[in-house]
Amino acid sequence: MRTRVKICGFTRVEDAVFAAGLGVDAIGLVFYPPSPRHVAIEQALKIVNALPAFTTVVALFVDEQEALIREVLS
């Protein structure tokens, strides 16, 4: 079984792209406003669009409304 690596809490495009270049399998984006690693949807889109196709993106939510989760996932 292969070990996979995910790093969570990216807020800057350049950091996420750098991590992808190092070979991480997934990056995490935090959609929990009290967190210092929180990312707005607009910034999340910039990050996701800059990543190579092989990089999986994971979204972190804490007790969030379904409508926002659906918006982020779309």
PDB file of N, CA and C in Angstrom:
ATOM      1  N   MET A   1       0.847  -1.179   0.000  1.00  0.00           N
ATOM      2  CA  MET A   1       0.000   0.000   0.000  1.00  0.00           C
ATOM      3  C   MET A   1       0.893   1.244   0.000  1.00  0.00           C
ATOM      4  N   ARG A   2       0.556   2.202  -0.811  1.00  0.00           N
ATOM      5  CA  ARG A   2       1.308   3.442  -0.948  1.00  0.00           C
ATOM      6  C   ARG A   2       0.832   4.464   0.072  1.00  0.00           C
ATOM      7  N   THR A   3       1.767   5.143   0.710  1.00  0.00           N
ATOM      8  CA  THR A   3       1.430   6.224   1.632  1.00  0.00           C
ATOM      9  C   THR A   3       1.136   7.478   0.828  1.00  0.00           C
ATOM     10  N   ARG A   4       0.057   8.138   1.167  1.00  0.00           N
ATOM     11  CA  ARG A   4      -0.308   9.395   0.503  1.00  0.00           C
ATOM     12  C   ARG A   4      -0.081  10.542   1.479  1.00  0.00           C
ATOM     13  N   VAL A   5       0.248  11.713   0.928  1.00  0.00           N
ATOM     14  CA  VAL A   5       0.544  12.886   1.755  1.00  0.00           C
ATOM     15  C   VAL A   5      -0.434  14.008   1.426  1.00  0.00           C
ATOM     16  N   LYS A   6      -1.069  14.570   2.486  1.00  0.00           N
ATOM     17  CA  LYS A   6      -1.943  15.739   2.347  1.00  0.00           C
ATOM     18  C   LYS A   6      -1.448  16.804   3.320  1.00  0.00           C
ATOM     19  N   ILE A   7      -1.324  18.012   2.824  1.00  0.00           N
ATOM     20  CA  ILE A   7      -0.985  19.149   3.680  1.00  0.00           C
ATOM     21  C   ILE A   7      -2.178  20.095   3.651  1.00  0.00           C
ATOM     22  N   CYS A   8      -2.596  20.543   4.816  1.00  0.00           N
ATOM     23  CA  CYS A   8      -3.808  21.345   4.934  1.00  0.00           C
ATOM     24  C   CYS A   8      -3.491  22.772   5.374  1.00  0.00           C
ATOM     25  N   GLY A   9      -4.377  23.685   5.011  1.00  0.00           N
ATOM     26  CA  GLY A   9      -4.289  25.050   5.517  1.00  0.00           C
ATOM     27  C   GLY A   9      -3.665  26.046   4.568  1.00  0.00           C
ATOM     28  N   PHE A  10      -3.642  25.741   3.289  1.00  0.00           N
ATOM     29  CA  PHE A  10      -3.062  26.685   2.333  1.00  0.00           C
ATOM     30  C   PHE A  10      -3.950  27.913   2.177  1.00  0.00           C
ATOM     31  N   THR A  11      -3.316  29.068   2.084  1.00  0.00           N
ATOM     32  CA  THR A  11      -4.039  30.321   1.839  1.00  0.00           C
ATOM     33  C   THR A  11      -3.445  31.079   0.658  1.00  0.00           C
ATOM     34  N   ARG A  12      -2.248  30.678   0.228  1.00  0.00           N
ATOM     35  CA  ARG A  12      -1.571  31.386  -0.867  1.00  0.00           C
ATOM     36  C   ARG A  12      -1.330  30.435  -2.037  1.00  0.00           C
ATOM     37  N   VAL A  13      -1.581  30.932  -3.236  1.00  0.00           N
ATOM     38  CA  VAL A  13      -1.396  30.144  -4.450  1.00  0.00           C
ATOM     39  C   VAL A  13       0.019  29.596  -4.525  1.00  0.00           C
ATOM     40  N   GLU A  14       1.005  30.460  -4.306  1.00  0.00           N
ATOM     41  CA  GLU A  14       2.397  30.037  -4.481  1.00  0.00           C
ATOM     42  C   GLU A  14       2.790  28.909  -3.525  1.00  0.00           C
ATOM     43  N   ASP A  15       2.234  28.900  -2.331  1.00  0.00           N
ATOM     44  CA  ASP A  15       2.549  27.830  -1.383  1.00  0.00           C
ATOM     45  C   ASP A  15       1.941  26.497  -1.830  1.00  0.00           C
ATOM     46  N   ALA A  16       0.707  26.540  -2.297  1.00  0.00           N
ATOM     47  CA  ALA A  16       0.044  25.319  -2.758  1.00  0.00           C
ATOM     48  C   ALA A  16       0.739  24.754  -3.992  1.00  0.00           C
ATOM     49  N   VAL A  17       1.116  25.616  -4.918  1.00  0.00           N
ATOM     50  CA  VAL A  17       1.815  25.174  -6.126  1.00  0.00           C
ATOM     51  C   VAL A  17       3.178  24.583  -5.765  1.00  0.00           C
ATOM     52  N   PHE A  18       3.866  25.206  -4.829  1.00  0.00           N
ATOM     53  CA  PHE A  18       5.161  24.696  -4.383  1.00  0.00           C
ATOM     54  C   PHE A  18       5.008  23.298  -3.787  1.00  0.00           C
ATOM     55  N   ALA A  19       4.003  23.121  -2.928  1.00  0.00           N
ATOM     56  CA  ALA A  19       3.765  21.815  -2.310  1.00  0.00           C
ATOM     57  C   ALA A  19       3.439  20.765  -3.370  1.00  0.00           C
ATOM     58  N   ALA A  20       2.623  21.136  -4.341  1.00  0.00           N
ATOM     59  CA  ALA A  20       2.294  20.201  -5.420  1.00  0.00           C
ATOM     60  C   ALA A  20       3.558  19.813  -6.182  1.00  0.00           C
ATOM     61  N   GLY A  21       4.429  20.778  -6.393  1.00  0.00           N
ATOM     62  CA  GLY A  21       5.689  20.505  -7.070  1.00  0.00           C
ATOM     63  C   GLY A  21       6.591  19.565  -6.297  1.00  0.00           C
ATOM     64  N   LEU A  22       6.443  19.548  -4.992  1.00  0.00           N
ATOM     65  CA  LEU A  22       7.213  18.627  -4.148  1.00  0.00           C
ATOM     66  C   LEU A  22       6.630  17.217  -4.165  1.00  0.00           C
ATOM     67  N   GLY A  23       5.421  17.095  -4.724  1.00  0.00           N
ATOM     68  CA  GLY A  23       4.829  15.774  -4.873  1.00  0.00           C
ATOM     69  C   GLY A  23       3.750  15.391  -3.885  1.00  0.00           C
ATOM     70  N   VAL A  24       3.209  16.360  -3.130  1.00  0.00           N
ATOM     71  CA  VAL A  24       2.111  15.992  -2.233  1.00  0.00           C
ATOM     72  C   VAL A  24       0.938  15.482  -3.066  1.00  0.00           C
ATOM     73  N   ASP A  25       0.188  14.582  -2.498  1.00  0.00           N
ATOM     74  CA  ASP A  25      -0.948  14.003  -3.206  1.00  0.00           C
ATOM     75  C   ASP A  25      -2.188  14.881  -3.125  1.00  0.00           C
ATOM     76  N   ALA A  26      -2.308  15.615  -2.012  1.00  0.00           N
ATOM     77  CA  ALA A  26      -3.510  16.422  -1.795  1.00  0.00           C
ATOM     78  C   ALA A  26      -3.170  17.655  -0.975  1.00  0.00           C
ATOM     79  N   ILE A  27      -3.944  18.700  -1.220  1.00  0.00           N
ATOM     80  CA  ILE A  27      -3.838  19.901  -0.395  1.00  0.00           C
ATOM     81  C   ILE A  27      -5.205  20.157   0.220  1.00  0.00           C
ATOM     82  N   GLY A  28      -5.198  20.723   1.415  1.00  0.00           N
ATOM     83  CA  GLY A  28      -6.440  21.009   2.109  1.00  0.00           C
ATOM     84  C   GLY A  28      -6.689  22.503   2.200  1.00  0.00           C
ATOM     85  N   LEU A  29      -7.944  22.871   2.038  1.00  0.00           N
ATOM     86  CA  LEU A  29      -8.371  24.266   2.162  1.00  0.00           C
ATOM     87  C   LEU A  29      -9.383  24.351   3.300  1.00  0.00           C
ATOM     88  N   VAL A  30      -9.181  25.307   4.188  1.00  0.00           N
ATOM     89  CA  VAL A  30      -9.996  25.438   5.395  1.00  0.00           C
ATOM     90  C   VAL A  30     -11.099  26.473   5.168  1.00  0.00           C
ATOM     91  N   PHE A  31     -12.340  26.042   5.311  1.00  0.00           N
ATOM     92  CA  PHE A  31     -13.498  26.925   5.170  1.00  0.00           C
ATOM     93  C   PHE A  31     -14.186  27.084   6.525  1.00  0.00           C
ATOM     94  N   TYR A  32     -13.391  27.441   7.521  1.00  0.00           N
ATOM     95  CA  TYR A  32     -13.883  27.655   8.883  1.00  0.00           C
ATOM     96  C   TYR A  32     -13.405  29.038   9.310  1.00  0.00           C
ATOM     97  N   PRO A  33     -14.275  30.059   9.244  1.00  0.00           N
ATOM     98  CA  PRO A  33     -13.857  31.445   9.461  1.00  0.00           C
ATOM     99  C   PRO A  33     -13.033  31.731  10.719  1.00  0.00           C
ATOM    100  N   PRO A  34     -13.272  31.084  11.863  1.00  0.00           N
ATOM    101  CA  PRO A  34     -12.428  31.398  13.020  1.00  0.00           C
ATOM    102  C   PRO A  34     -10.966  30.950  12.878  1.00  0.00           C
ATOM    103  N   SER A  35     -10.703  30.073  11.937  1.00  0.00           N
ATOM    104  CA  SER A  35      -9.338  29.560  11.779  1.00  0.00           C
ATOM    105  C   SER A  35      -8.426  30.596  11.128  1.00  0.00           C
ATOM    106  N   PRO A  36      -7.192  30.713  11.592  1.00  0.00           N
ATOM    107  CA  PRO A  36      -6.239  31.612  10.928  1.00  0.00           C
ATOM    108  C   PRO A  36      -5.866  31.108   9.533  1.00  0.00           C
ATOM    109  N   ARG A  37      -6.195  29.864   9.214  1.00  0.00           N
ATOM    110  CA  ARG A  37      -5.910  29.286   7.894  1.00  0.00           C
ATOM    111  C   ARG A  37      -7.137  29.343   6.983  1.00  0.00           C
ATOM    112  N   HIS A  38      -8.198  30.017   7.417  1.00  0.00           N
ATOM    113  CA  HIS A  38      -9.425  30.140   6.618  1.00  0.00           C
ATOM    114  C   HIS A  38      -9.116  30.762   5.264  1.00  0.00           C
ATOM    115  N   VAL A  39      -9.782  30.256   4.231  1.00  0.00           N
ATOM    116  CA  VAL A  39      -9.613  30.789   2.885  1.00  0.00           C
ATOM    117  C   VAL A  39     -10.994  31.118   2.314  1.00  0.00           C
ATOM    118  N   ALA A  40     -11.092  32.276   1.680  1.00  0.00           N
ATOM    119  CA  ALA A  40     -12.340  32.676   1.024  1.00  0.00           C
ATOM    120  C   ALA A  40     -12.519  31.859  -0.259  1.00  0.00           C
ATOM    121  N   ILE A  41     -13.756  31.729  -0.698  1.00  0.00           N
ATOM    122  CA  ILE A  41     -14.043  30.945  -1.899  1.00  0.00           C
ATOM    123  C   ILE A  41     -13.273  31.488  -3.100  1.00  0.00           C
ATOM    124  N   GLU A  42     -13.199  32.781  -3.242  1.00  0.00           N
ATOM    125  CA  GLU A  42     -12.499  33.383  -4.384  1.00  0.00           C
ATOM    126  C   GLU A  42     -11.020  33.003  -4.380  1.00  0.00           C
ATOM    127  N   GLN A  43     -10.393  33.032  -3.213  1.00  0.00           N
ATOM    128  CA  GLN A  43      -8.983  32.651  -3.108  1.00  0.00           C
ATOM    129  C   GLN A  43      -8.820  31.149  -3.328  1.00  0.00           C
ATOM    130  N   ALA A  44      -9.760  30.371  -2.836  1.00  0.00           N
ATOM    131  CA  ALA A  44      -9.710  28.920  -3.042  1.00  0.00           C
ATOM    132  C   ALA A  44      -9.738  28.588  -4.529  1.00  0.00           C
ATOM    133  N   LEU A  45     -10.561  29.290  -5.282  1.00  0.00           N
ATOM    134  CA  LEU A  45     -10.622  29.069  -6.734  1.00  0.00           C
ATOM    135  C   LEU A  45      -9.286  29.375  -7.398  1.00  0.00           C
ATOM    136  N   LYS A  46      -8.635  30.442  -6.979  1.00  0.00           N
ATOM    137  CA  LYS A  46      -7.319  30.773  -7.531  1.00  0.00           C
ATOM    138  C   LYS A  46      -6.321  29.658  -7.245  1.00  0.00           C
ATOM    139  N   ILE A  47      -6.361  29.146  -6.025  1.00  0.00           N
ATOM    140  CA  ILE A  47      -5.444  28.070  -5.643  1.00  0.00           C
ATOM    141  C   ILE A  47      -5.723  26.820  -6.473  1.00  0.00           C
ATOM    142  N   VAL A  48      -6.975  26.405  -6.521  1.00  0.00           N
ATOM    143  CA  VAL A  48      -7.347  25.187  -7.242  1.00  0.00           C
ATOM    144  C   VAL A  48      -6.984  25.295  -8.719  1.00  0.00           C
ATOM    145  N   ASN A  49      -7.250  26.430  -9.328  1.00  0.00           N
ATOM    146  CA  ASN A  49      -6.972  26.597 -10.757  1.00  0.00           C
ATOM    147  C   ASN A  49      -5.487  26.615 -11.082  1.00  0.00           C
ATOM    148  N   ALA A  50      -4.649  26.893 -10.102  1.00  0.00           N
ATOM    149  CA  ALA A  50      -3.203  26.931 -10.329  1.00  0.00           C
ATOM    150  C   ALA A  50      -2.534  25.572 -10.129  1.00  0.00           C
ATOM    151  N   LEU A  51      -3.251  24.612  -9.570  1.00  0.00           N
ATOM    152  CA  LEU A  51      -2.658  23.311  -9.244  1.00  0.00           C
ATOM    153  C   LEU A  51      -2.630  22.375 -10.444  1.00  0.00           C
ATOM    154  N   PRO A  52      -1.635  21.480 -10.473  1.00  0.00           N
ATOM    155  CA  PRO A  52      -1.624  20.447 -11.511  1.00  0.00           C
ATOM    156  C   PRO A  52      -2.839  19.530 -11.348  1.00  0.00           C
ATOM    157  N   ALA A  53      -3.258  18.936 -12.442  1.00  0.00           N
ATOM    158  CA  ALA A  53      -4.462  18.097 -12.436  1.00  0.00           C
ATOM    159  C   ALA A  53      -4.358  16.899 -11.498  1.00  0.00           C
ATOM    160  N   PHE A  54      -3.147  16.428 -11.222  1.00  0.00           N
ATOM    161  CA  PHE A  54      -2.978  15.236 -10.385  1.00  0.00           C
ATOM    162  C   PHE A  54      -3.094  15.522  -8.891  1.00  0.00           C
ATOM    163  N   THR A  55      -3.215  16.787  -8.508  1.00  0.00           N
ATOM    164  CA  THR A  55      -3.291  17.140  -7.092  1.00  0.00           C
ATOM    165  C   THR A  55      -4.751  17.150  -6.637  1.00  0.00           C
ATOM    166  N   THR A  56      -5.058  16.356  -5.638  1.00  0.00           N
ATOM    167  CA  THR A  56      -6.405  16.314  -5.072  1.00  0.00           C
ATOM    168  C   THR A  56      -6.572  17.481  -4.101  1.00  0.00           C
ATOM    169  N   VAL A  57      -7.751  18.085  -4.115  1.00  0.00           N
ATOM    170  CA  VAL A  57      -8.044  19.178  -3.185  1.00  0.00           C
ATOM    171  C   VAL A  57      -9.114  18.702  -2.206  1.00  0.00           C
ATOM    172  N   VAL A  58      -8.864  18.948  -0.921  1.00  0.00           N
ATOM    173  CA  VAL A  58      -9.776  18.547   0.147  1.00  0.00           C
ATOM    174  C   VAL A  58     -10.264  19.809   0.850  1.00  0.00           C
ATOM    175  N   ALA A  59     -11.571  19.878   1.116  1.00  0.00           N
ATOM    176  CA  ALA A  59     -12.151  21.031   1.813  1.00  0.00           C
ATOM    177  C   ALA A  59     -12.486  20.641   3.251  1.00  0.00           C
ATOM    178  N   LEU A  60     -12.127  21.509   4.183  1.00  0.00           N
ATOM    179  CA  LEU A  60     -12.421  21.295   5.600  1.00  0.00           C
ATOM    180  C   LEU A  60     -13.516  22.265   6.036  1.00  0.00           C
ATOM    181  N   PHE A  61     -14.590  21.714   6.611  1.00  0.00           N
ATOM    182  CA  PHE A  61     -15.695  22.510   7.140  1.00  0.00           C
ATOM    183  C   PHE A  61     -15.926  22.124   8.597  1.00  0.00           C
ATOM    184  N   VAL A  62     -16.431  23.063   9.394  1.00  0.00           N
ATOM    185  CA  VAL A  62     -16.804  22.783  10.780  1.00  0.00           C
ATOM    186  C   VAL A  62     -18.229  23.292  10.984  1.00  0.00           C
ATOM    187  N   ASP A  63     -19.160  22.376  11.192  1.00  0.00           N
ATOM    188  CA  ASP A  63     -20.564  22.735  11.447  1.00  0.00           C
ATOM    189  C   ASP A  63     -21.095  23.767  10.455  1.00  0.00           C
ATOM    190  N   GLU A  64     -20.833  23.560   9.179  1.00  0.00           N
ATOM    191  CA  GLU A  64     -21.208  24.535   8.154  1.00  0.00           C
ATOM    192  C   GLU A  64     -22.591  24.233   7.584  1.00  0.00           C
ATOM    193  N   GLN A  65     -23.241  25.267   7.077  1.00  0.00           N
ATOM    194  CA  GLN A  65     -24.530  25.129   6.417  1.00  0.00           C
ATOM    195  C   GLN A  65     -24.350  24.401   5.080  1.00  0.00           C
ATOM    196  N   GLU A  66     -25.319  23.576   4.748  1.00  0.00           N
ATOM    197  CA  GLU A  66     -25.256  22.793   3.516  1.00  0.00           C
ATOM    198  C   GLU A  66     -25.100  23.682   2.283  1.00  0.00           C
ATOM    199  N   ALA A  67     -25.750  24.830   2.269  1.00  0.00           N
ATOM    200  CA  ALA A  67     -25.692  25.720   1.102  1.00  0.00           C
ATOM    201  C   ALA A  67     -24.256  26.162   0.804  1.00  0.00           C
ATOM    202  N   LEU A  68     -23.494  26.503   1.823  1.00  0.00           N
ATOM    203  CA  LEU A  68     -22.113  26.926   1.599  1.00  0.00           C
ATOM    204  C   LEU A  68     -21.261  25.750   1.136  1.00  0.00           C
ATOM    205  N   ILE A  69     -21.484  24.591   1.705  1.00  0.00           N
ATOM    206  CA  ILE A  69     -20.728  23.409   1.276  1.00  0.00           C
ATOM    207  C   ILE A  69     -20.979  23.141  -0.204  1.00  0.00           C
ATOM    208  N   ARG A  70     -22.233  23.205  -0.605  1.00  0.00           N
ATOM    209  CA  ARG A  70     -22.564  22.990  -2.026  1.00  0.00           C
ATOM    210  C   ARG A  70     -21.918  24.061  -2.912  1.00  0.00           C
ATOM    211  N   GLU A  71     -21.911  25.302  -2.450  1.00  0.00           N
ATOM    212  CA  GLU A  71     -21.293  26.386  -3.222  1.00  0.00           C
ATOM    213  C   GLU A  71     -19.800  26.137  -3.403  1.00  0.00           C
ATOM    214  N   VAL A  72     -19.138  25.751  -2.341  1.00  0.00           N
ATOM    215  CA  VAL A  72     -17.699  25.479  -2.415  1.00  0.00           C
ATOM    216  C   VAL A  72     -17.427  24.305  -3.351  1.00  0.00           C
ATOM    217  N   LEU A  73     -18.210  23.263  -3.242  1.00  0.00           N
ATOM    218  CA  LEU A  73     -17.973  22.075  -4.057  1.00  0.00           C
ATOM    219  C   LEU A  73     -18.314  22.271  -5.525  1.00  0.00           C
ATOM    220  N   SER A  74     -19.104  23.280  -5.818  1.00  0.00           N
ATOM    221  CA  SER A  74     -19.442  23.517  -7.229  1.00  0.00           C
ATOM    222  C   SER A  74     -18.347  24.328  -7.873  1.00  0.00           C
TER     223      SER A  74
END
